[in-house]
C-alpha atoms as a PDB file:
ATOM      1  CA  MET A   1      54.808  46.859-213.444  1.00  0.00           C
ATOM      2  CA  SER A   2      57.688  45.617-211.540  1.00  0.00           C
ATOM      3  CA  ARG A   3      58.756  47.004-208.592  1.00  0.00           C
ATOM      4  CA  THR A   4      62.620  47.504-207.677  1.00  0.00           C
ATOM      5  CA  ALA A   5      63.857  47.946-204.478  1.00  0.00           C
ATOM      6  CA  PHE A   6      67.076  50.226-204.086  1.00  0.00           C
ATOM      7  CA  CYS A   7      69.830  49.151-201.818  1.00  0.00           C
ATOM      8  CA  TYR A   8      72.654  51.404-201.090  1.00  0.00           C
ATOM      9  CA  ASP A   9      74.906  49.346-198.998  1.00  0.00           C
ATOM     10  CA  ALA A  10      74.927  45.553-199.721  1.00  0.00           C
ATOM     11  CA  GLN A  11      75.798  44.593-195.885  1.00  0.00           C
ATOM     12  CA  PRO A  12      73.305  43.438-193.544  1.00  0.00           C
ATOM     13  CA  PHE A  13      72.111  46.155-191.516  1.00  0.00           C
ATOM     14  CA  SER A  14      73.894  44.753-188.397  1.00  0.00           C
ATOM     15  CA  GLN A  15      77.056  44.777-189.771  1.00  0.00           C
ATOM     16  CA  ARG A  16      77.106  48.237-191.120  1.00  0.00           C
ATOM     17  CA  THR A  17      79.247  50.410-189.687  1.00  0.00           C
ATOM     18  CA  PHE A  18      77.887  54.205-189.113  1.00  0.00           C
ATOM     19  CA  LYS A  19      80.153  57.094-189.142  1.00  0.00           C
ATOM     20  CA  SER A  20      77.931  58.865-186.175  1.00  0.00           C
ATOM     21  CA  MET A  21      81.301  59.459-184.090  1.00  0.00           C
ATOM     22  CA  ALA A  22      83.017  62.723-185.040  1.00  0.00           C
ATOM     23  CA  ARG A  23      87.028  62.625-184.334  1.00  0.00           C
ATOM     24  CA  ILE A  24      88.817  65.419-182.659  1.00  0.00           C
ATOM     25  CA  ASP A  25      92.848  65.323-182.955  1.00  0.00           C
ATOM     26  CA  ILE A  26      94.831  68.535-181.981  1.00  0.00           C
ATOM     27  CA  GLN A  27      98.169  68.739-181.007  1.00  0.00           C
ATOM     28  CA  ARG A  28     100.519  71.439-179.835  1.00  0.00           C
ATOM     29  CA  GLU A  29     103.900  72.314-179.311  1.00  0.00           C
ATOM     30  CA  HIS A  30     105.061  72.953-175.638  1.00  0.00           C
ATOM     31  CA  HIS A  31     108.550  73.698-173.598  1.00  0.00           C
ATOM     32  CA  LEU A  32     107.679  72.160-169.884  1.00  0.00           C
ATOM     33  CA  GLU A  33     109.410  69.834-168.428  1.00  0.00           C
ATOM     34  CA  ALA A  34     107.550  66.067-168.378  1.00  0.00           C
ATOM     35  CA  ALA A  35     106.625  66.997-164.604  1.00  0.00           C
ATOM     36  CA  GLN A  36     105.210  70.250-165.050  1.00  0.00           C
ATOM     37  CA  ALA A  37     103.466  69.424-168.537  1.00  0.00           C
ATOM     38  CA  ARG A  38     101.712  65.803-166.564  1.00  0.00           C
ATOM     39  CA  ALA A  39     100.714  68.242-163.730  1.00  0.00           C
ATOM     40  CA  VAL A  40      99.059  70.882-166.086  1.00  0.00           C
ATOM     41  CA  ILE A  41      97.199  67.903-167.738  1.00  0.00           C
ATOM     42  CA  ASP A  42      96.061  66.604-164.156  1.00  0.00           C
ATOM     43  CA  LYS A  43      94.674  69.966-163.741  1.00  0.00           C
ATOM     44  CA  VAL A  44      93.043  69.893-167.006  1.00  0.00           C
ATOM     45  CA  ALA A  45      91.540  66.610-166.195  1.00  0.00           C
ATOM     46  CA  ALA A  46      90.072  67.983-162.766  1.00  0.00           C
ATOM     47  CA  ARG A  47      88.629  70.762-164.415  1.00  0.00           C
ATOM     48  CA  LEU A  48      87.038  68.172-167.082  1.00  0.00           C
ATOM     49  CA  GLY A  49      85.707  66.474-164.515  1.00  0.00           C
ATOM     50  CA  GLU A  50      84.224  69.122-162.473  1.00  0.00           C
ATOM     51  CA  LYS A  51      82.652  70.445-165.540  1.00  0.00           C
ATOM     52  CA  PHE A  52      81.272  67.769-167.718  1.00  0.00           C
ATOM     53  CA  GLY A  53      81.719  64.700-165.424  1.00  0.00           C
ATOM     54  CA  THR A  54      84.299  62.815-166.951  1.00  0.00           C
ATOM     55  CA  THR A  55      86.550  60.092-165.280  1.00  0.00           C
ATOM     56  CA  SER A  56      90.002  60.025-166.369  1.00  0.00           C
ATOM     57  CA  ARG A  57      93.186  57.632-165.593  1.00  0.00           C
ATOM     58  CA  TRP A  58      96.798  57.525-166.740  1.00  0.00           C
ATOM     59  CA  GLU A  59      97.797  54.898-169.031  1.00  0.00           C
ATOM     60  CA  GLY A  60     101.752  55.451-169.464  1.00  0.00           C
ATOM     61  CA  ASP A  61     102.398  58.931-170.713  1.00  0.00           C
ATOM     62  CA  THR A  62      98.635  59.308-172.223  1.00  0.00           C
ATOM     63  CA  LEU A  63      95.765  60.414-169.807  1.00  0.00           C
ATOM     64  CA  ARG A  64      92.320  58.330-170.767  1.00  0.00           C
ATOM     65  CA  PHE A  65      89.235  60.238-170.256  1.00  0.00           C
ATOM     66  CA  GLU A  66      85.749  59.038-170.354  1.00  0.00           C
ATOM     67  CA  ARG A  67      81.852  59.811-170.064  1.00  0.00           C
ATOM     68  CA  ALA A  68      78.544  59.084-171.687  1.00  0.00           C
ATOM     69  CA  GLY A  69      78.935  60.722-175.465  1.00  0.00           C
ATOM     70  CA  VAL A  70      82.669  61.169-175.168  1.00  0.00           C
ATOM     71  CA  LYS A  71      86.014  59.151-175.028  1.00  0.00           C
ATOM     72  CA  GLY A  72      89.673  60.205-175.558  1.00  0.00           C
ATOM     73  CA  GLY A  73      93.008  60.827-174.643  1.00  0.00           C
ATOM     74  CA  ILE A  74      95.813  63.605-173.770  1.00  0.00           C
ATOM     75  CA  SER A  75      99.024  62.199-174.571  1.00  0.00           C
ATOM     76  CA  LEU A  76     102.050  64.036-173.782  1.00  0.00           C
ATOM     77  CA  GLU A  77     105.390  63.670-175.605  1.00  0.00           C
ATOM     78  CA  PRO A  78     108.740  65.316-175.216  1.00  0.00           C
ATOM     79  CA  ALA A  79     107.695  68.426-177.101  1.00  0.00           C
ATOM     80  CA  ILE A  80     103.903  67.708-178.064  1.00  0.00           C
ATOM     81  CA  VAL A  81     100.946  67.522-175.849  1.00  0.00           C
ATOM     82  CA  ARG A  82      98.121  65.689-178.239  1.00  0.00           C
ATOM     83  CA  VAL A  83      94.449  65.776-177.654  1.00  0.00           C
ATOM     84  CA  GLN A  84      92.434  62.849-179.254  1.00  0.00           C
ATOM     85  CA  ALA A  85      88.729  62.389-178.984  1.00  0.00           C
ATOM     86  CA  GLU A  86      85.795  60.705-180.064  1.00  0.00           C
ATOM     87  CA  LEU A  87      82.314  62.336-179.811  1.00  0.00           C
ATOM     88  CA  GLY A  88      79.109  60.496-179.798  1.00  0.00           C
ATOM     89  CA  MET A  89      76.058  61.251-182.016  1.00  0.00           C
ATOM     90  CA  LEU A  90      74.878  63.776-179.718  1.00  0.00           C
ATOM     91  CA  LEU A  91      77.974  65.671-179.229  1.00  0.00           C
ATOM     92  CA  SER A  92      78.961  65.471-182.822  1.00  0.00           C
ATOM     93  CA  PRO A  93      77.219  68.463-183.940  1.00  0.00           C
ATOM     94  CA  MET A  94      79.166  70.661-181.370  1.00  0.00           C
ATOM     95  CA  LYS A  95      82.717  69.366-183.039  1.00  0.00           C
ATOM     96  CA  GLY A  96      83.741  72.803-184.125  1.00  0.00           C
ATOM     97  CA  MET A  97      82.615  74.531-180.708  1.00  0.00           C
ATOM     98  CA  ILE A  98      84.636  71.691-178.835  1.00  0.00           C
ATOM     99  CA  GLU A  99      87.599  72.062-180.815  1.00  0.00           C
ATOM    100  CA  GLN A 100      87.928  75.698-180.291  1.00  0.00           C
ATOM    101  CA  GLU A 101      87.624  75.378-176.621  1.00  0.00           C
ATOM    102  CA  ILE A 102      90.397  72.375-176.670  1.00  0.00           C
ATOM    103  CA  SER A 103      92.420  74.729-178.682  1.00  0.00           C
ATOM    104  CA  ARG A 104      92.293  77.638-176.392  1.00  0.00           C
ATOM    105  CA  LYS A 105      92.986  75.804-173.563  1.00  0.00           C
ATOM    106  CA  LEU A 106      96.027  74.082-175.058  1.00  0.00           C
ATOM    107  CA  ASP A 107      96.927  77.726-175.934  1.00  0.00           C
ATOM    108  CA  GLU A 108      96.692  78.869-172.675  1.00  0.00           C
ATOM    109  CA  TYR A 109      98.532  76.037-170.492  1.00  0.00           C
ATOM    110  CA  PHE A 110     101.350  75.234-173.376  1.00  0.00           C
ATOM    111  CA  ALA A 111     102.193  78.378-174.964  1.00  0.00           C
END
């Protein structure tokens, strides 16, 4: 009797990519002047820092934020604000809840 080894991924373990990071991508239209929109984003970033311990910095028209388990950015365009984030393995199960909270805040600040 022979034994057969099943291999579902032919790549060596060290080269495999795992889809453990959930991605968030939400955008909303806004009607604010650039300076006003930037001030709102700064306010949101300060709140994120207080509540979740994120650090943030501006890179052009995108505010980058990160902490253990999450990294992303809030991009500002003339009529659109866009939030993109990657959630680590521990936060991935809460993706839906996090998306709802982001959507609620975007609606609150940019509606």
